[in-house]
Protein backbone atom coordinates (compact mmCIF):
# COMPACT_ATOMS: atom_id res chain seq x y z
CA UNK A 1 -14.82 2.61 -5.93
CA UNK A 2 -13.06 2.38 -2.61
CA UNK A 3 -11.79 -1.06 -3.57
CA UNK A 4 -10.16 0.32 -6.71
CA UNK A 5 -8.53 3.07 -4.70
CA UNK A 6 -7.12 0.50 -2.27
CA UNK A 7 -5.70 -1.55 -5.15
CA UNK A 8 -4.13 1.54 -6.68
CA UNK A 9 -2.37 2.28 -3.39
CA UNK A 10 -1.33 -1.32 -2.70
CA UNK A 11 0.09 -2.28 -6.06
CA UNK A 12 2.93 0.30 -6.07
CA UNK A 13 4.07 -0.94 -2.66
CA UNK A 14 4.03 -4.56 -3.82
CA UNK A 15 6.10 -3.49 -6.82
CA UNK A 16 8.63 -1.85 -4.48
CA UNK A 17 8.85 -5.13 -2.59
CA UNK A 18 9.24 -7.15 -5.76
CA UNK A 19 12.05 -4.87 -7.01
CA UNK A 20 13.84 -5.10 -3.67
CA UNK A 21 13.29 -1.43 -2.81
CA UNK A 22 11.39 -2.40 0.38
CA UNK A 23 11.12 -5.42 2.62
CA UNK A 24 7.75 -7.22 2.65
CA UNK A 25 7.00 -5.76 6.07
CA UNK A 26 7.86 -2.22 4.93
CA UNK A 27 5.70 -2.55 1.85
CA UNK A 28 2.74 -3.87 3.84
CA UNK A 29 3.12 -1.21 6.53
CA UNK A 30 3.32 1.60 3.97
CA UNK A 31 0.39 0.24 1.93
CA UNK A 32 -1.71 -0.11 5.13
CA UNK A 33 -0.87 3.47 6.12
CA UNK A 34 -1.76 4.77 2.68
CA UNK A 35 -5.04 2.86 2.73
CA UNK A 36 -5.91 4.20 6.18
CA UNK A 37 -5.24 7.78 5.17
CA UNK A 38 -7.16 7.39 1.87
CA UNK A 39 -10.21 5.93 3.55
CA UNK A 40 -10.13 8.38 6.45
CA UNK A 41 -9.64 5.77 9.13
CA UNK A 42 -6.85 6.10 11.69
């Protein structure tokens, strides 16, 4: 489902935030961008 795809894109970004690889804002921005591209919305 589309929901599952969104979760699969979002979780890795949250993990990067939790491990300190990215700031919260970076993780959210990157997750949002990945979700937009995956769902075909710009």
